[in-house]
N, C-alpha and C. Protein backbone atom coordinates (compact mmCIF):
# COMPACT_ATOMS: atom_id res chain seq x y z
N MET A 1 0.84 -1.17 0.00
CA MET A 1 0.00 0.00 0.00
C MET A 1 0.89 1.25 0.00
N ARG A 2 0.49 2.27 -0.71
CA ARG A 2 1.25 3.52 -0.82
C ARG A 2 0.48 4.65 -0.18
N ILE A 3 1.22 5.63 0.28
CA ILE A 3 0.61 6.86 0.81
C ILE A 3 0.91 7.97 -0.17
N LYS A 4 -0.14 8.65 -0.63
CA LYS A 4 0.02 9.77 -1.54
C LYS A 4 -0.48 11.03 -0.82
N PRO A 5 0.44 11.91 -0.41
CA PRO A 5 0.01 13.11 0.32
C PRO A 5 -0.73 14.10 -0.58
N LEU A 6 -1.62 14.85 0.02
CA LEU A 6 -2.39 15.85 -0.71
C LEU A 6 -1.84 17.24 -0.42
N GLY A 7 -2.05 18.15 -1.36
CA GLY A 7 -1.67 19.54 -1.17
C GLY A 7 -0.18 19.72 -0.97
N ASP A 8 0.18 20.53 0.02
CA ASP A 8 1.59 20.83 0.28
C ASP A 8 2.14 19.97 1.42
N ARG A 9 1.73 18.71 1.46
CA ARG A 9 2.17 17.81 2.51
C ARG A 9 3.26 16.86 2.02
N VAL A 10 4.04 16.34 2.98
CA VAL A 10 5.17 15.47 2.69
C VAL A 10 5.08 14.26 3.61
N VAL A 11 5.33 13.06 3.08
CA VAL A 11 5.38 11.85 3.90
C VAL A 11 6.84 11.57 4.22
N ILE A 12 7.15 11.44 5.52
CA ILE A 12 8.52 11.16 5.94
C ILE A 12 8.54 9.92 6.84
N LYS A 13 9.72 9.32 6.92
CA LYS A 13 9.93 8.19 7.82
C LYS A 13 11.17 8.50 8.64
N LYS A 14 11.04 8.41 9.95
CA LYS A 14 12.16 8.72 10.84
C LYS A 14 13.27 7.70 10.67
N ILE A 15 14.49 8.19 10.65
CA ILE A 15 15.67 7.34 10.58
C ILE A 15 16.03 6.98 12.01
N GLU A 16 16.21 5.69 12.28
CA GLU A 16 16.47 5.22 13.63
C GLU A 16 17.71 5.85 14.23
N ALA A 17 17.64 6.16 15.52
CA ALA A 17 18.76 6.77 16.24
C ALA A 17 19.76 5.70 16.64
N GLU A 18 20.97 6.14 16.92
CA GLU A 18 22.02 5.24 17.40
C GLU A 18 21.60 4.64 18.74
N GLU A 19 21.91 3.39 18.97
CA GLU A 19 21.58 2.75 20.23
C GLU A 19 22.76 2.78 21.20
N LYS A 20 23.91 3.25 20.74
CA LYS A 20 25.09 3.34 21.60
C LYS A 20 25.60 4.77 21.63
N THR A 21 26.18 5.15 22.77
CA THR A 21 26.84 6.44 22.84
C THR A 21 28.23 6.31 22.21
N LYS A 22 28.92 7.41 22.03
CA LYS A 22 30.25 7.37 21.43
C LYS A 22 31.23 6.57 22.28
N SER A 23 31.00 6.53 23.60
CA SER A 23 31.89 5.78 24.48
C SER A 23 31.53 4.30 24.56
N GLY A 24 30.44 3.89 23.85
CA GLY A 24 30.09 2.47 23.79
C GLY A 24 29.00 2.04 24.75
N ILE A 25 28.37 2.98 25.45
CA ILE A 25 27.30 2.64 26.38
C ILE A 25 26.02 2.40 25.58
N VAL A 26 25.36 1.26 25.80
CA VAL A 26 24.12 0.92 25.11
C VAL A 26 22.96 1.59 25.84
N LEU A 27 22.12 2.30 25.07
CA LEU A 27 20.98 3.01 25.65
C LEU A 27 19.70 2.23 25.43
N PRO A 28 18.86 2.09 26.48
CA PRO A 28 17.55 1.46 26.28
C PRO A 28 16.64 2.41 25.49
N ASN A 29 15.59 1.86 24.89
CA ASN A 29 14.68 2.68 24.08
C ASN A 29 14.07 3.83 24.86
N SER A 30 13.81 3.63 26.16
CA SER A 30 13.19 4.68 26.95
C SER A 30 14.12 5.87 27.17
N ALA A 31 15.43 5.66 27.08
CA ALA A 31 16.40 6.73 27.30
C ALA A 31 16.79 7.45 26.02
N GLN A 32 16.36 6.92 24.89
CA GLN A 32 16.75 7.52 23.61
C GLN A 32 15.82 8.67 23.26
N GLU A 33 16.41 9.68 22.67
CA GLU A 33 15.63 10.82 22.19
C GLU A 33 15.07 10.45 20.82
N GLN A 34 13.88 10.96 20.52
CA GLN A 34 13.28 10.70 19.20
C GLN A 34 14.20 11.24 18.11
N PRO A 35 14.38 10.50 17.03
CA PRO A 35 15.24 11.01 15.95
C PRO A 35 14.59 12.21 15.27
N GLN A 36 15.43 13.17 14.90
CA GLN A 36 14.91 14.35 14.23
C GLN A 36 15.14 14.28 12.73
N ILE A 37 16.04 13.42 12.29
CA ILE A 37 16.33 13.31 10.86
C ILE A 37 15.42 12.24 10.26
N SER A 38 14.79 12.60 9.16
CA SER A 38 13.86 11.70 8.49
C SER A 38 14.16 11.66 7.01
N GLU A 39 13.63 10.64 6.36
CA GLU A 39 13.77 10.51 4.91
C GLU A 39 12.43 10.83 4.26
N VAL A 40 12.45 11.63 3.20
CA VAL A 40 11.24 11.99 2.48
C VAL A 40 10.86 10.82 1.56
N LEU A 41 9.62 10.33 1.69
CA LEU A 41 9.17 9.21 0.87
C LEU A 41 8.24 9.65 -0.26
N ALA A 42 7.41 10.66 -0.01
CA ALA A 42 6.47 11.12 -1.03
C ALA A 42 6.16 12.60 -0.82
N ILE A 43 5.80 13.27 -1.91
CA ILE A 43 5.53 14.70 -1.90
C ILE A 43 4.18 14.94 -2.57
N GLY A 44 3.40 15.84 -1.99
CA GLY A 44 2.08 16.16 -2.53
C GLY A 44 2.15 16.98 -3.80
N GLU A 45 1.04 16.98 -4.56
CA GLU A 45 0.97 17.70 -5.83
C GLU A 45 1.00 19.21 -5.65
N GLY A 46 0.66 19.69 -4.46
CA GLY A 46 0.74 21.12 -4.19
C GLY A 46 2.18 21.62 -4.24
N ILE A 47 3.14 20.71 -4.04
CA ILE A 47 4.55 21.07 -4.10
C ILE A 47 5.09 20.83 -5.51
N THR A 48 4.80 19.65 -6.07
CA THR A 48 5.34 19.32 -7.40
C THR A 48 4.74 20.18 -8.50
N GLY A 49 3.53 20.68 -8.30
CA GLY A 49 2.88 21.52 -9.29
C GLY A 49 3.21 22.99 -9.19
N ASP A 50 3.92 23.39 -8.13
CA ASP A 50 4.26 24.79 -7.90
C ASP A 50 5.71 25.02 -8.33
N ASP A 51 5.91 25.91 -9.31
CA ASP A 51 7.26 26.16 -9.84
C ASP A 51 8.24 26.64 -8.78
N LYS A 52 7.77 27.38 -7.77
CA LYS A 52 8.65 27.90 -6.73
C LYS A 52 9.04 26.83 -5.71
N LYS A 53 8.15 25.88 -5.46
CA LYS A 53 8.39 24.88 -4.41
C LYS A 53 8.98 23.57 -4.92
N LYS A 54 8.77 23.23 -6.19
CA LYS A 54 9.10 21.89 -6.66
C LYS A 54 10.59 21.54 -6.59
N ASP A 55 11.47 22.52 -6.66
CA ASP A 55 12.90 22.23 -6.59
C ASP A 55 13.44 22.28 -5.16
N SER A 56 12.60 22.62 -4.19
CA SER A 56 13.08 22.75 -2.82
C SER A 56 13.25 21.42 -2.11
N ILE A 57 12.47 20.41 -2.49
CA ILE A 57 12.53 19.12 -1.81
C ILE A 57 12.11 18.01 -2.77
N LYS A 58 12.68 16.82 -2.57
CA LYS A 58 12.32 15.69 -3.44
C LYS A 58 12.37 14.41 -2.62
N ALA A 59 11.75 13.36 -3.14
CA ALA A 59 11.77 12.06 -2.47
C ALA A 59 13.21 11.58 -2.36
N GLY A 60 13.55 11.02 -1.21
CA GLY A 60 14.90 10.55 -0.96
C GLY A 60 15.75 11.52 -0.17
N ASP A 61 15.32 12.78 -0.07
CA ASP A 61 16.06 13.76 0.72
C ASP A 61 15.99 13.39 2.21
N ARG A 62 17.05 13.70 2.93
CA ARG A 62 17.06 13.57 4.38
C ARG A 62 16.80 14.95 4.94
N VAL A 63 15.79 15.06 5.82
CA VAL A 63 15.37 16.37 6.32
C VAL A 63 15.30 16.38 7.84
N ILE A 64 15.32 17.59 8.39
CA ILE A 64 15.04 17.82 9.80
C ILE A 64 13.70 18.53 9.85
N ALA A 65 12.77 17.97 10.62
CA ALA A 65 11.43 18.54 10.73
C ALA A 65 11.18 19.00 12.15
N SER A 66 10.20 19.87 12.33
CA SER A 66 9.81 20.32 13.66
C SER A 66 9.46 19.11 14.52
N LYS A 67 9.83 19.16 15.80
CA LYS A 67 9.69 18.00 16.68
C LYS A 67 8.26 17.49 16.84
N PHE A 68 7.33 18.36 17.08
CA PHE A 68 5.96 17.93 17.38
C PHE A 68 5.00 18.26 16.25
N SER A 69 5.46 18.14 15.03
CA SER A 69 4.61 18.48 13.89
C SER A 69 4.09 17.21 13.22
N GLY A 70 3.04 17.38 12.48
CA GLY A 70 2.53 16.30 11.64
C GLY A 70 1.65 15.29 12.34
N THR A 71 1.22 14.32 11.55
CA THR A 71 0.36 13.24 12.00
C THR A 71 1.07 11.93 11.77
N GLU A 72 1.18 11.13 12.83
CA GLU A 72 1.84 9.84 12.70
C GLU A 72 0.82 8.80 12.25
N VAL A 73 1.25 7.96 11.30
CA VAL A 73 0.38 6.94 10.71
C VAL A 73 1.13 5.63 10.71
N LYS A 74 0.45 4.54 11.06
CA LYS A 74 1.06 3.21 11.00
C LYS A 74 0.36 2.44 9.88
N LEU A 75 1.15 1.98 8.91
CA LEU A 75 0.60 1.30 7.75
C LEU A 75 1.49 0.11 7.40
N ASP A 76 0.90 -1.06 7.34
CA ASP A 76 1.64 -2.30 7.05
C ASP A 76 2.82 -2.50 8.00
N GLY A 77 2.64 -2.16 9.27
CA GLY A 77 3.68 -2.36 10.26
C GLY A 77 4.77 -1.29 10.27
N GLU A 78 4.71 -0.33 9.40
CA GLU A 78 5.71 0.75 9.32
C GLU A 78 5.07 2.04 9.84
N GLU A 79 5.88 2.88 10.48
CA GLU A 79 5.40 4.16 10.99
C GLU A 79 5.87 5.30 10.09
N TYR A 80 4.93 6.13 9.67
CA TYR A 80 5.20 7.28 8.82
C TYR A 80 4.65 8.52 9.49
N THR A 81 5.13 9.68 9.07
CA THR A 81 4.61 10.95 9.55
C THR A 81 4.28 11.81 8.34
N ILE A 82 3.10 12.42 8.37
CA ILE A 82 2.68 13.32 7.29
C ILE A 82 2.75 14.73 7.85
N ILE A 83 3.58 15.57 7.21
CA ILE A 83 3.78 16.94 7.68
C ILE A 83 3.56 17.92 6.54
N LYS A 84 3.38 19.18 6.89
CA LYS A 84 3.30 20.24 5.89
C LYS A 84 4.72 20.64 5.49
N LEU A 85 4.89 21.12 4.30
CA LEU A 85 6.20 21.56 3.81
C LEU A 85 6.79 22.62 4.74
N ASN A 86 5.96 23.47 5.32
CA ASN A 86 6.45 24.52 6.22
C ASN A 86 7.10 23.95 7.49
N ASP A 87 6.79 22.69 7.84
CA ASP A 87 7.38 22.08 9.03
C ASP A 87 8.75 21.48 8.77
N VAL A 88 9.19 21.46 7.51
CA VAL A 88 10.54 21.02 7.20
C VAL A 88 11.48 22.17 7.47
N LEU A 89 12.43 21.95 8.38
CA LEU A 89 13.34 23.02 8.79
C LEU A 89 14.60 23.08 7.95
N ALA A 90 15.12 21.91 7.53
CA ALA A 90 16.37 21.88 6.78
C ALA A 90 16.50 20.57 6.03
N ILE A 91 17.34 20.59 4.99
CA ILE A 91 17.70 19.37 4.27
C ILE A 91 19.12 19.04 4.69
N VAL A 92 19.36 17.77 5.04
CA VAL A 92 20.67 17.32 5.47
C VAL A 92 21.42 16.81 4.25
N GLU A 93 22.58 17.38 3.98
CA GLU A 93 23.36 16.97 2.81
C GLU A 93 24.60 16.23 3.22
C-alpha cells in the first residue's frame, strides 16, 4: 500500500537513532531521544505543481522537521509521519 500526500504535505519516515553512545554505552529505548532526521518518501501535488516549491525538496532527501509536527500513521507495520512543507526546517546533505 502507498501513501500519496495531498496539497503541500510530505510523507517522511524517521531514521532510527544510534543505540550506543560514542563511548560504547548501550541506551535502552526509553532513554533515547526521538530522531529528528527523516527521509522523504512522497511529496504532494501542491509542491510538485508549484514552480517555486518543486525544486526545494524531493523524495529521498534527508530532512530535519519540527519535533511535534505532523500526523503519525502506521501502515503495514511501518510508521510514517505526514507533515506540511512549512514544518521542514532543513535538508541534510
